[in-house]
Amino acid sequence: MTSLRRLPVGPELWESCFLVAPLVVVGTKEPDGSYDLAPKHMVTPMSWDNHYGFVCTPAHGTYMNARREGAFTVSFPRPDQILLTSLAAAPRIDACKPSLVGVPTFPAETVDGVLLEDAYLHFECELHRIIDGFARNSLIVGKIVAAWAAPDSVREADVDDQDLIANAPLLAYLHFGRWARIDATFSYPFHVGSQR
């Protein structure tokens, strides 16, 4: 057996090695009618259909807002928008985030929310369910009721996937505390007969 190093099984596990994840900005409506944005990296499609989920904690405004309003938005920022994700992560002062004044948004069309301007992909979600009990965290799952993408990021039959990604790079979060610009990829070597 290859020599392996035993890692601690607890919260510090996630700081032992880097993990690649998407970095998105989740939008929710506040009790006063304004909108909040918060970056999330524990995010993923929740089915082959139209469900998308993210991990949050009941102590955060995002959790409370999504539960109360029954909706949230998801925007996938581009690498050159990394500072906007940092502004969205700023702490609240007197129940609001003054840093959001510098984050450009536009209104969602199907749910009551806002989306990050110039992001390459957007989801508008109705709350499907919240699953509590992952220690202090919860899984918030939405049903995607509308989706939008920048034209330069939509896959087309006559455009090579590598060219698409090279021309419209993706933003990745390397947990814990780093980010990457993805502009080169390779075809996955699917085995003959493999299925979803």
N, C-alpha and C. Protein backbone atom coordinates (compact mmCIF):
# COMPACT_ATOMS: atom_id res chain seq x y z
N MET A 1 0.85 -1.19 0.00
CA MET A 1 0.00 0.00 0.00
C MET A 1 0.89 1.24 0.00
N THR A 2 0.45 2.24 -0.73
CA THR A 2 1.16 3.51 -0.77
C THR A 2 1.15 4.14 0.62
N SER A 3 2.20 4.81 0.95
CA SER A 3 2.27 5.50 2.24
C SER A 3 1.27 6.66 2.24
N LEU A 4 0.38 6.66 3.21
CA LEU A 4 -0.64 7.71 3.33
C LEU A 4 -0.50 8.39 4.68
N ARG A 5 -0.93 9.63 4.73
CA ARG A 5 -0.92 10.38 5.99
C ARG A 5 -2.34 10.45 6.53
N ARG A 6 -2.55 10.00 7.74
CA ARG A 6 -3.87 10.04 8.35
C ARG A 6 -4.25 11.49 8.63
N LEU A 7 -5.48 11.85 8.28
CA LEU A 7 -5.98 13.20 8.50
C LEU A 7 -6.98 13.20 9.64
N PRO A 8 -7.12 14.33 10.32
CA PRO A 8 -8.11 14.42 11.39
C PRO A 8 -9.52 14.42 10.80
N VAL A 9 -10.42 13.69 11.42
CA VAL A 9 -11.80 13.65 10.95
C VAL A 9 -12.60 14.60 11.83
N GLY A 10 -12.79 15.79 11.33
CA GLY A 10 -13.48 16.86 12.04
C GLY A 10 -13.42 18.10 11.17
N PRO A 11 -13.80 19.24 11.69
CA PRO A 11 -13.80 20.47 10.88
C PRO A 11 -12.45 20.77 10.23
N GLU A 12 -11.34 20.40 10.90
CA GLU A 12 -10.03 20.68 10.34
C GLU A 12 -9.71 19.82 9.12
N LEU A 13 -10.48 18.76 8.89
CA LEU A 13 -10.28 17.92 7.70
C LEU A 13 -10.30 18.76 6.43
N TRP A 14 -11.24 19.70 6.37
CA TRP A 14 -11.45 20.49 5.15
C TRP A 14 -10.35 21.50 4.90
N GLU A 15 -9.43 21.66 5.84
CA GLU A 15 -8.29 22.55 5.65
C GLU A 15 -7.00 21.78 5.40
N SER A 16 -7.10 20.45 5.33
CA SER A 16 -5.92 19.60 5.17
C SER A 16 -5.41 19.55 3.74
N CYS A 17 -6.32 19.56 2.77
CA CYS A 17 -5.97 19.49 1.34
C CYS A 17 -6.92 20.41 0.59
N PHE A 18 -6.53 20.80 -0.60
CA PHE A 18 -7.41 21.64 -1.41
C PHE A 18 -8.48 20.80 -2.09
N LEU A 19 -9.68 21.34 -2.19
CA LEU A 19 -10.79 20.74 -2.90
C LEU A 19 -11.28 21.76 -3.92
N VAL A 20 -11.60 21.32 -5.12
CA VAL A 20 -12.08 22.22 -6.16
C VAL A 20 -13.60 22.28 -6.09
N ALA A 21 -14.15 23.49 -6.14
CA ALA A 21 -15.60 23.68 -6.09
C ALA A 21 -15.98 24.89 -6.93
N PRO A 22 -17.22 24.93 -7.38
CA PRO A 22 -17.70 26.17 -8.00
C PRO A 22 -17.77 27.27 -6.95
N LEU A 23 -17.74 28.50 -7.36
CA LEU A 23 -18.00 29.62 -6.47
C LEU A 23 -19.15 30.40 -7.08
N VAL A 24 -20.26 30.46 -6.35
CA VAL A 24 -21.45 31.14 -6.85
C VAL A 24 -21.82 32.25 -5.88
N VAL A 25 -22.73 33.10 -6.32
CA VAL A 25 -23.30 34.14 -5.46
C VAL A 25 -24.79 33.86 -5.37
N VAL A 26 -25.26 33.62 -4.14
CA VAL A 26 -26.67 33.34 -3.89
C VAL A 26 -27.35 34.63 -3.47
N GLY A 27 -28.48 34.93 -4.09
CA GLY A 27 -29.25 36.12 -3.78
C GLY A 27 -30.55 35.76 -3.07
N THR A 28 -30.89 36.52 -2.04
CA THR A 28 -32.15 36.34 -1.33
C THR A 28 -32.73 37.70 -0.97
N LYS A 29 -34.03 37.71 -0.69
CA LYS A 29 -34.71 38.94 -0.32
C LYS A 29 -34.73 39.09 1.20
N GLU A 30 -34.36 40.27 1.66
CA GLU A 30 -34.31 40.58 3.09
C GLU A 30 -35.70 40.95 3.62
N PRO A 31 -35.91 40.91 4.93
CA PRO A 31 -37.21 41.28 5.50
C PRO A 31 -37.64 42.71 5.18
N ASP A 32 -36.66 43.62 4.99
CA ASP A 32 -37.00 45.02 4.70
C ASP A 32 -37.26 45.27 3.21
N GLY A 33 -37.21 44.21 2.38
CA GLY A 33 -37.46 44.36 0.95
C GLY A 33 -36.22 44.55 0.11
N SER A 34 -35.07 44.77 0.74
CA SER A 34 -33.82 44.86 -0.02
C SER A 34 -33.35 43.43 -0.33
N TYR A 35 -32.21 43.33 -1.00
CA TYR A 35 -31.70 42.02 -1.40
C TYR A 35 -30.29 41.80 -0.85
N ASP A 36 -30.03 40.57 -0.48
CA ASP A 36 -28.72 40.19 0.02
C ASP A 36 -28.05 39.29 -1.01
N LEU A 37 -26.73 39.35 -1.05
CA LEU A 37 -25.93 38.44 -1.88
C LEU A 37 -24.89 37.81 -0.97
N ALA A 38 -24.61 36.53 -1.20
CA ALA A 38 -23.62 35.83 -0.38
C ALA A 38 -22.91 34.80 -1.24
N PRO A 39 -21.57 34.77 -1.22
CA PRO A 39 -20.85 33.75 -1.98
C PRO A 39 -20.99 32.39 -1.28
N LYS A 40 -21.10 31.34 -2.08
CA LYS A 40 -21.19 29.98 -1.57
C LYS A 40 -20.32 29.08 -2.44
N HIS A 41 -19.64 28.12 -1.80
CA HIS A 41 -18.84 27.18 -2.58
C HIS A 41 -19.28 25.73 -2.35
N MET A 42 -20.07 25.47 -1.33
CA MET A 42 -20.61 24.13 -1.13
C MET A 42 -21.93 24.06 -1.87
N VAL A 43 -21.83 23.95 -3.21
CA VAL A 43 -22.98 24.02 -4.10
C VAL A 43 -22.89 22.91 -5.14
N THR A 44 -24.07 22.48 -5.63
CA THR A 44 -24.06 21.43 -6.65
C THR A 44 -25.45 21.20 -7.23
N PRO A 45 -25.53 20.69 -8.48
CA PRO A 45 -26.82 20.19 -8.96
C PRO A 45 -27.27 19.06 -8.04
N MET A 46 -28.57 18.96 -7.79
CA MET A 46 -29.09 17.95 -6.87
C MET A 46 -29.85 16.84 -7.60
N SER A 47 -29.84 16.85 -8.91
CA SER A 47 -30.49 15.80 -9.68
C SER A 47 -30.11 16.02 -11.14
N TRP A 48 -30.52 15.08 -12.00
CA TRP A 48 -30.33 15.28 -13.44
C TRP A 48 -31.44 16.19 -13.98
N ASP A 49 -32.37 16.56 -13.12
CA ASP A 49 -33.43 17.47 -13.53
C ASP A 49 -33.05 18.89 -13.14
N ASN A 50 -33.97 19.64 -12.63
CA ASN A 50 -33.71 21.06 -12.40
C ASN A 50 -33.67 21.43 -10.91
N HIS A 51 -32.85 20.73 -10.15
CA HIS A 51 -32.68 21.06 -8.73
C HIS A 51 -31.24 21.47 -8.47
N TYR A 52 -31.08 22.50 -7.65
CA TYR A 52 -29.75 22.99 -7.31
C TYR A 52 -29.72 23.28 -5.82
N GLY A 53 -28.61 22.94 -5.17
CA GLY A 53 -28.56 23.12 -3.73
C GLY A 53 -27.25 23.70 -3.23
N PHE A 54 -27.31 24.21 -2.02
CA PHE A 54 -26.11 24.75 -1.39
C PHE A 54 -26.20 24.55 0.13
N VAL A 55 -25.04 24.52 0.77
CA VAL A 55 -24.96 24.37 2.21
C VAL A 55 -24.93 25.76 2.84
N CYS A 56 -25.68 25.89 3.91
CA CYS A 56 -25.74 27.15 4.65
C CYS A 56 -25.98 26.81 6.12
N THR A 57 -26.05 27.80 6.95
CA THR A 57 -26.34 27.60 8.36
C THR A 57 -27.55 28.44 8.76
N PRO A 58 -28.40 27.93 9.65
CA PRO A 58 -29.56 28.71 10.08
C PRO A 58 -29.19 30.05 10.72
N ALA A 59 -27.93 30.22 11.11
CA ALA A 59 -27.50 31.48 11.70
C ALA A 59 -27.29 32.58 10.66
N HIS A 60 -27.29 32.23 9.36
CA HIS A 60 -27.03 33.22 8.31
C HIS A 60 -28.33 33.77 7.74
N GLY A 61 -28.26 35.01 7.30
CA GLY A 61 -29.41 35.65 6.67
C GLY A 61 -29.87 34.92 5.43
N THR A 62 -28.95 34.33 4.67
CA THR A 62 -29.32 33.61 3.45
C THR A 62 -30.30 32.49 3.77
N TYR A 63 -30.01 31.73 4.80
CA TYR A 63 -30.91 30.63 5.23
C TYR A 63 -32.29 31.18 5.60
N MET A 64 -32.30 32.19 6.48
CA MET A 64 -33.57 32.74 6.97
C MET A 64 -34.37 33.35 5.83
N ASN A 65 -33.68 34.05 4.93
CA ASN A 65 -34.37 34.69 3.80
C ASN A 65 -34.96 33.65 2.86
N ALA A 66 -34.19 32.62 2.52
CA ALA A 66 -34.69 31.58 1.59
C ALA A 66 -35.89 30.87 2.20
N ARG A 67 -35.82 30.56 3.48
CA ARG A 67 -36.94 29.88 4.15
C ARG A 67 -38.19 30.76 4.15
N ARG A 68 -38.03 32.03 4.51
CA ARG A 68 -39.16 32.95 4.61
C ARG A 68 -39.77 33.25 3.24
N GLU A 69 -38.92 33.55 2.25
CA GLU A 69 -39.39 33.99 0.94
C GLU A 69 -39.72 32.84 0.01
N GLY A 70 -39.13 31.66 0.25
CA GLY A 70 -39.40 30.50 -0.61
C GLY A 70 -38.73 30.61 -1.97
N ALA A 71 -37.64 31.38 -2.05
CA ALA A 71 -36.96 31.55 -3.34
C ALA A 71 -35.54 32.05 -3.11
N PHE A 72 -34.69 31.81 -4.10
CA PHE A 72 -33.33 32.36 -4.11
C PHE A 72 -32.82 32.36 -5.54
N THR A 73 -31.77 33.12 -5.78
CA THR A 73 -31.12 33.14 -7.09
C THR A 73 -29.69 32.65 -6.95
N VAL A 74 -29.14 32.19 -8.06
CA VAL A 74 -27.75 31.73 -8.09
C VAL A 74 -27.09 32.35 -9.32
N SER A 75 -25.97 33.04 -9.11
CA SER A 75 -25.20 33.61 -10.21
C SER A 75 -23.79 33.01 -10.18
N PHE A 76 -23.29 32.64 -11.34
CA PHE A 76 -21.95 32.08 -11.47
C PHE A 76 -21.02 33.17 -11.99
N PRO A 77 -20.21 33.78 -11.11
CA PRO A 77 -19.34 34.87 -11.55
C PRO A 77 -18.19 34.39 -12.43
N ARG A 78 -17.67 35.32 -13.18
CA ARG A 78 -16.48 35.06 -14.00
C ARG A 78 -15.24 35.34 -13.16
N PRO A 79 -14.07 34.83 -13.58
CA PRO A 79 -12.86 35.07 -12.80
C PRO A 79 -12.58 36.55 -12.52
N ASP A 80 -12.91 37.43 -13.47
CA ASP A 80 -12.63 38.84 -13.23
C ASP A 80 -13.62 39.50 -12.26
N GLN A 81 -14.55 38.71 -11.73
CA GLN A 81 -15.50 39.22 -10.74
C GLN A 81 -15.19 38.72 -9.33
N ILE A 82 -13.99 38.21 -9.11
CA ILE A 82 -13.64 37.64 -7.81
C ILE A 82 -13.77 38.67 -6.69
N LEU A 83 -13.44 39.93 -6.96
CA LEU A 83 -13.57 40.94 -5.91
C LEU A 83 -15.03 41.21 -5.55
N LEU A 84 -15.93 41.05 -6.51
CA LEU A 84 -17.35 41.21 -6.21
C LEU A 84 -17.83 40.12 -5.25
N THR A 85 -17.29 38.92 -5.40
CA THR A 85 -17.67 37.85 -4.48
C THR A 85 -17.19 38.18 -3.07
N SER A 86 -16.05 38.83 -2.97
CA SER A 86 -15.53 39.23 -1.67
C SER A 86 -16.42 40.31 -1.05
N LEU A 87 -16.87 41.26 -1.84
CA LEU A 87 -17.79 42.28 -1.34
C LEU A 87 -19.08 41.66 -0.83
N ALA A 88 -19.55 40.62 -1.53
CA ALA A 88 -20.78 39.94 -1.10
C ALA A 88 -20.58 39.18 0.21
N ALA A 89 -19.34 38.88 0.55
CA ALA A 89 -19.04 38.15 1.79
C ALA A 89 -18.81 39.07 2.98
N ALA A 90 -18.86 40.37 2.77
CA ALA A 90 -18.59 41.31 3.86
C ALA A 90 -19.62 41.14 4.97
N PRO A 91 -19.23 41.42 6.20
CA PRO A 91 -20.16 41.27 7.32
C PRO A 91 -21.27 42.31 7.28
N ARG A 92 -22.35 41.96 7.94
CA ARG A 92 -23.48 42.88 8.08
C ARG A 92 -23.17 43.94 9.13
N ILE A 93 -23.67 45.13 8.87
CA ILE A 93 -23.60 46.23 9.84
C ILE A 93 -25.02 46.75 9.99
N ASP A 94 -25.54 46.69 11.19
CA ASP A 94 -26.93 47.09 11.44
C ASP A 94 -27.89 46.38 10.50
N ALA A 95 -27.74 45.05 10.39
CA ALA A 95 -28.63 44.17 9.62
C ALA A 95 -28.55 44.36 8.11
N CYS A 96 -27.52 45.03 7.60
CA CYS A 96 -27.37 45.13 6.14
C CYS A 96 -25.89 45.08 5.78
N LYS A 97 -25.61 44.88 4.51
CA LYS A 97 -24.23 44.84 4.01
C LYS A 97 -23.96 46.07 3.16
N PRO A 98 -23.33 47.10 3.73
CA PRO A 98 -23.02 48.30 2.94
C PRO A 98 -22.17 48.00 1.71
N SER A 99 -21.37 46.94 1.77
CA SER A 99 -20.48 46.60 0.65
C SER A 99 -21.26 46.25 -0.62
N LEU A 100 -22.53 45.88 -0.50
CA LEU A 100 -23.30 45.49 -1.68
C LEU A 100 -23.63 46.66 -2.58
N VAL A 101 -23.44 47.89 -2.09
CA VAL A 101 -23.68 49.07 -2.93
C VAL A 101 -22.78 49.01 -4.16
N GLY A 102 -21.60 48.43 -4.03
CA GLY A 102 -20.66 48.35 -5.15
C GLY A 102 -20.80 47.11 -6.00
N VAL A 103 -21.83 46.30 -5.77
CA VAL A 103 -22.01 45.06 -6.54
C VAL A 103 -23.17 45.25 -7.52
N PRO A 104 -22.88 45.27 -8.84
CA PRO A 104 -23.95 45.50 -9.82
C PRO A 104 -24.85 44.28 -9.99
N THR A 105 -26.16 44.53 -9.94
CA THR A 105 -27.15 43.46 -10.08
C THR A 105 -28.24 43.89 -11.05
N PHE A 106 -29.07 42.91 -11.41
CA PHE A 106 -30.27 43.22 -12.18
C PHE A 106 -31.39 42.32 -11.66
N PRO A 107 -32.66 42.71 -11.86
CA PRO A 107 -33.77 41.95 -11.29
C PRO A 107 -33.96 40.61 -11.97
N ALA A 108 -34.30 39.61 -11.16
CA ALA A 108 -34.71 38.31 -11.69
C ALA A 108 -36.09 38.49 -12.33
N GLU A 109 -36.45 37.58 -13.22
CA GLU A 109 -37.74 37.72 -13.91
C GLU A 109 -38.83 36.83 -13.35
N THR A 110 -38.46 35.68 -12.80
CA THR A 110 -39.45 34.70 -12.38
C THR A 110 -39.66 34.67 -10.87
N VAL A 111 -38.61 34.89 -10.09
CA VAL A 111 -38.73 34.95 -8.64
C VAL A 111 -38.37 36.36 -8.19
N ASP A 112 -38.71 36.68 -6.95
CA ASP A 112 -38.39 38.01 -6.42
C ASP A 112 -36.95 37.97 -5.92
N GLY A 113 -36.05 38.48 -6.74
CA GLY A 113 -34.64 38.46 -6.38
C GLY A 113 -33.82 39.24 -7.37
N VAL A 114 -32.51 39.23 -7.16
CA VAL A 114 -31.58 39.89 -8.08
C VAL A 114 -30.49 38.91 -8.47
N LEU A 115 -29.85 39.21 -9.60
CA LEU A 115 -28.78 38.39 -10.14
C LEU A 115 -27.54 39.26 -10.34
N LEU A 116 -26.38 38.65 -10.26
CA LEU A 116 -25.11 39.37 -10.41
C LEU A 116 -24.89 39.72 -11.88
N GLU A 117 -24.75 40.99 -12.14
CA GLU A 117 -24.54 41.46 -13.51
C GLU A 117 -23.22 40.91 -14.07
N ASP A 118 -23.23 40.53 -15.33
CA ASP A 118 -22.06 40.05 -16.08
C ASP A 118 -21.59 38.66 -15.68
N ALA A 119 -22.29 37.96 -14.77
CA ALA A 119 -21.96 36.56 -14.50
C ALA A 119 -22.29 35.75 -15.75
N TYR A 120 -21.72 34.56 -15.86
CA TYR A 120 -21.94 33.81 -17.11
C TYR A 120 -23.15 32.89 -17.08
N LEU A 121 -23.66 32.56 -15.88
CA LEU A 121 -24.81 31.67 -15.75
C LEU A 121 -25.64 32.11 -14.56
N HIS A 122 -26.97 32.04 -14.70
CA HIS A 122 -27.88 32.47 -13.64
C HIS A 122 -29.01 31.45 -13.50
N PHE A 123 -29.38 31.15 -12.25
CA PHE A 123 -30.56 30.33 -11.95
C PHE A 123 -31.50 31.14 -11.07
N GLU A 124 -32.78 31.01 -11.36
CA GLU A 124 -33.81 31.53 -10.47
C GLU A 124 -34.50 30.31 -9.89
N CYS A 125 -34.54 30.23 -8.56
CA CYS A 125 -35.00 29.01 -7.89
C CYS A 125 -36.15 29.27 -6.92
N GLU A 126 -37.12 28.38 -6.96
CA GLU A 126 -38.13 28.32 -5.91
C GLU A 126 -37.64 27.29 -4.90
N LEU A 127 -37.84 27.57 -3.63
CA LEU A 127 -37.37 26.66 -2.59
C LEU A 127 -38.08 25.31 -2.72
N HIS A 128 -37.30 24.25 -2.81
CA HIS A 128 -37.84 22.90 -2.87
C HIS A 128 -37.92 22.30 -1.47
N ARG A 129 -36.79 22.37 -0.74
CA ARG A 129 -36.79 21.92 0.65
C ARG A 129 -35.50 22.34 1.34
N ILE A 130 -35.58 22.38 2.65
CA ILE A 130 -34.40 22.61 3.48
C ILE A 130 -34.23 21.38 4.36
N ILE A 131 -33.04 20.84 4.37
CA ILE A 131 -32.74 19.68 5.19
C ILE A 131 -31.75 20.12 6.26
N ASP A 132 -32.22 20.18 7.48
CA ASP A 132 -31.38 20.56 8.61
C ASP A 132 -30.67 19.32 9.16
N GLY A 133 -29.70 19.56 10.04
CA GLY A 133 -29.13 18.45 10.78
C GLY A 133 -27.76 17.98 10.34
N PHE A 134 -27.08 18.72 9.48
CA PHE A 134 -25.70 18.38 9.12
C PHE A 134 -24.79 19.14 10.09
N ALA A 135 -24.75 18.66 11.34
CA ALA A 135 -24.11 19.39 12.43
C ALA A 135 -24.77 20.77 12.49
N ARG A 136 -24.01 21.85 12.38
CA ARG A 136 -24.63 23.18 12.47
C ARG A 136 -25.09 23.69 11.10
N ASN A 137 -24.97 22.86 10.08
CA ASN A 137 -25.31 23.28 8.72
C ASN A 137 -26.60 22.65 8.22
N SER A 138 -27.07 23.20 7.11
CA SER A 138 -28.29 22.72 6.46
C SER A 138 -28.06 22.71 4.95
N LEU A 139 -28.83 21.89 4.27
CA LEU A 139 -28.81 21.84 2.81
C LEU A 139 -30.07 22.53 2.30
N ILE A 140 -29.88 23.56 1.49
CA ILE A 140 -31.00 24.29 0.91
C ILE A 140 -31.09 23.90 -0.56
N VAL A 141 -32.23 23.35 -0.97
CA VAL A 141 -32.40 22.87 -2.34
C VAL A 141 -33.52 23.66 -3.00
N GLY A 142 -33.23 24.15 -4.20
CA GLY A 142 -34.23 24.87 -4.96
C GLY A 142 -34.57 24.16 -6.25
N LYS A 143 -35.74 24.44 -6.76
CA LYS A 143 -36.14 23.97 -8.09
C LYS A 143 -35.88 25.13 -9.05
N ILE A 144 -35.05 24.89 -10.05
CA ILE A 144 -34.73 25.95 -11.02
C ILE A 144 -35.96 26.19 -11.89
N VAL A 145 -36.49 27.41 -11.84
CA VAL A 145 -37.67 27.76 -12.62
C VAL A 145 -37.33 28.66 -13.80
N ALA A 146 -36.12 29.19 -13.82
CA ALA A 146 -35.64 29.97 -14.97
C ALA A 146 -34.12 29.93 -14.94
N ALA A 147 -33.52 29.88 -16.12
CA ALA A 147 -32.05 29.86 -16.23
C ALA A 147 -31.65 30.75 -17.39
N TRP A 148 -30.53 31.44 -17.22
CA TRP A 148 -30.03 32.38 -18.21
C TRP A 148 -28.52 32.20 -18.34
N ALA A 149 -27.99 32.40 -19.52
CA ALA A 149 -26.54 32.29 -19.72
C ALA A 149 -26.07 33.36 -20.69
N ALA A 150 -24.84 33.81 -20.48
CA ALA A 150 -24.22 34.74 -21.43
C ALA A 150 -23.97 33.99 -22.73
N PRO A 151 -24.21 34.62 -23.88
CA PRO A 151 -24.04 33.93 -25.16
C PRO A 151 -22.65 33.32 -25.35
N ASP A 152 -21.61 33.96 -24.79
CA ASP A 152 -20.25 33.43 -24.99
C ASP A 152 -19.97 32.19 -24.14
N SER A 153 -20.93 31.79 -23.32
CA SER A 153 -20.73 30.64 -22.45
C SER A 153 -21.64 29.46 -22.77
N VAL A 154 -22.47 29.60 -23.78
CA VAL A 154 -23.41 28.54 -24.16
C VAL A 154 -22.74 27.57 -25.12
N ARG A 155 -22.81 26.28 -24.80
CA ARG A 155 -22.22 25.25 -25.67
C ARG A 155 -23.02 25.17 -26.97
N GLU A 156 -22.31 25.11 -28.08
CA GLU A 156 -22.91 25.02 -29.41
C GLU A 156 -22.25 23.87 -30.16
N ALA A 157 -22.98 23.24 -31.05
CA ALA A 157 -22.46 22.09 -31.80
C ALA A 157 -21.25 22.46 -32.66
N ASP A 158 -21.20 23.70 -33.15
CA ASP A 158 -20.12 24.10 -34.05
C ASP A 158 -18.96 24.80 -33.34
N VAL A 159 -18.96 24.77 -31.98
CA VAL A 159 -17.88 25.38 -31.21
C VAL A 159 -17.23 24.31 -30.34
N ASP A 160 -15.92 24.17 -30.46
CA ASP A 160 -15.20 23.20 -29.65
C ASP A 160 -15.28 23.61 -28.18
N ASP A 161 -15.53 22.64 -27.30
CA ASP A 161 -15.66 22.94 -25.88
C ASP A 161 -14.42 23.64 -25.32
N GLN A 162 -13.23 23.20 -25.73
CA GLN A 162 -12.00 23.83 -25.24
C GLN A 162 -11.93 25.29 -25.67
N ASP A 163 -12.31 25.58 -26.91
CA ASP A 163 -12.31 26.97 -27.37
C ASP A 163 -13.30 27.82 -26.57
N LEU A 164 -14.47 27.24 -26.26
CA LEU A 164 -15.47 27.96 -25.48
C LEU A 164 -14.91 28.33 -24.12
N ILE A 165 -14.29 27.36 -23.44
CA ILE A 165 -13.75 27.62 -22.10
C ILE A 165 -12.54 28.55 -22.16
N ALA A 166 -11.73 28.44 -23.19
CA ALA A 166 -10.58 29.34 -23.33
C ALA A 166 -11.03 30.78 -23.51
N ASN A 167 -12.14 30.97 -24.23
CA ASN A 167 -12.64 32.32 -24.50
C ASN A 167 -13.54 32.87 -23.39
N ALA A 168 -14.12 31.98 -22.59
CA ALA A 168 -14.97 32.40 -21.47
C ALA A 168 -14.59 31.55 -20.25
N PRO A 169 -13.44 31.86 -19.62
CA PRO A 169 -12.93 31.04 -18.51
C PRO A 169 -13.91 30.94 -17.34
N LEU A 170 -13.75 29.87 -16.58
CA LEU A 170 -14.60 29.60 -15.43
C LEU A 170 -13.85 29.93 -14.14
N LEU A 171 -14.61 30.29 -13.12
CA LEU A 171 -14.06 30.57 -11.80
C LEU A 171 -14.25 29.35 -10.92
N ALA A 172 -13.19 28.93 -10.24
CA ALA A 172 -13.28 27.82 -9.29
C ALA A 172 -12.75 28.27 -7.94
N TYR A 173 -13.34 27.74 -6.90
CA TYR A 173 -12.87 28.01 -5.54
C TYR A 173 -12.09 26.79 -5.07
N LEU A 174 -10.91 27.01 -4.53
CA LEU A 174 -10.10 25.93 -3.97
C LEU A 174 -10.20 26.05 -2.46
N HIS A 175 -11.06 25.24 -1.89
CA HIS A 175 -11.29 25.30 -0.45
C HIS A 175 -10.04 24.81 0.26
N PHE A 176 -9.39 25.54 1.04
CA PHE A 176 -9.82 26.69 1.78
C PHE A 176 -8.95 27.90 1.40
N GLY A 177 -9.59 28.93 0.84
CA GLY A 177 -8.96 30.22 0.72
C GLY A 177 -8.22 30.57 -0.55
N ARG A 178 -8.39 29.78 -1.62
CA ARG A 178 -7.74 30.13 -2.88
C ARG A 178 -8.77 30.03 -3.99
N TRP A 179 -8.48 30.63 -5.13
CA TRP A 179 -9.37 30.53 -6.28
C TRP A 179 -8.54 30.30 -7.53
N ALA A 180 -9.19 29.86 -8.59
CA ALA A 180 -8.48 29.56 -9.84
C ALA A 180 -9.32 30.00 -11.03
N ARG A 181 -8.61 30.30 -12.09
CA ARG A 181 -9.22 30.62 -13.38
C ARG A 181 -9.03 29.38 -14.25
N ILE A 182 -10.13 28.79 -14.71
CA ILE A 182 -10.05 27.59 -15.54
C ILE A 182 -10.22 28.02 -17.00
N ASP A 183 -9.15 27.88 -17.77
CA ASP A 183 -9.24 28.24 -19.19
C ASP A 183 -8.70 27.14 -20.10
N ALA A 184 -8.33 26.00 -19.52
CA ALA A 184 -7.88 24.85 -20.32
C ALA A 184 -8.47 23.59 -19.70
N THR A 185 -9.06 22.75 -20.53
CA THR A 185 -9.67 21.51 -20.06
C THR A 185 -9.36 20.39 -21.04
N PHE A 186 -9.71 19.18 -20.65
CA PHE A 186 -9.45 18.00 -21.49
C PHE A 186 -10.69 17.12 -21.51
N SER A 187 -10.90 16.41 -22.60
CA SER A 187 -12.04 15.49 -22.70
C SER A 187 -11.87 14.36 -21.70
N TYR A 188 -12.95 14.00 -21.01
CA TYR A 188 -12.90 12.90 -20.06
C TYR A 188 -12.92 11.58 -20.83
N PRO A 189 -12.08 10.60 -20.45
CA PRO A 189 -12.03 9.33 -21.19
C PRO A 189 -13.13 8.36 -20.72
N PHE A 190 -14.38 8.63 -21.11
CA PHE A 190 -15.47 7.74 -20.73
C PHE A 190 -15.23 6.34 -21.27
N HIS A 191 -15.48 5.35 -20.44
CA HIS A 191 -15.37 3.96 -20.87
C HIS A 191 -16.55 3.63 -21.76
N VAL A 192 -16.35 2.79 -22.74
CA VAL A 192 -17.44 2.38 -23.64
C VAL A 192 -18.57 1.78 -22.79
N GLY A 193 -19.77 2.25 -23.00
CA GLY A 193 -20.93 1.74 -22.29
C GLY A 193 -21.21 2.43 -20.97
N SER A 194 -20.37 3.39 -20.56
CA SER A 194 -20.65 4.08 -19.29
C SER A 194 -21.89 4.95 -19.44
N GLN A 195 -22.63 5.10 -18.34
CA GLN A 195 -23.87 5.86 -18.34
C GLN A 195 -23.86 6.83 -17.18
N ARG A 196 -24.82 7.74 -17.19
CA ARG A 196 -24.96 8.69 -16.09
C ARG A 196 -25.18 7.95 -14.78
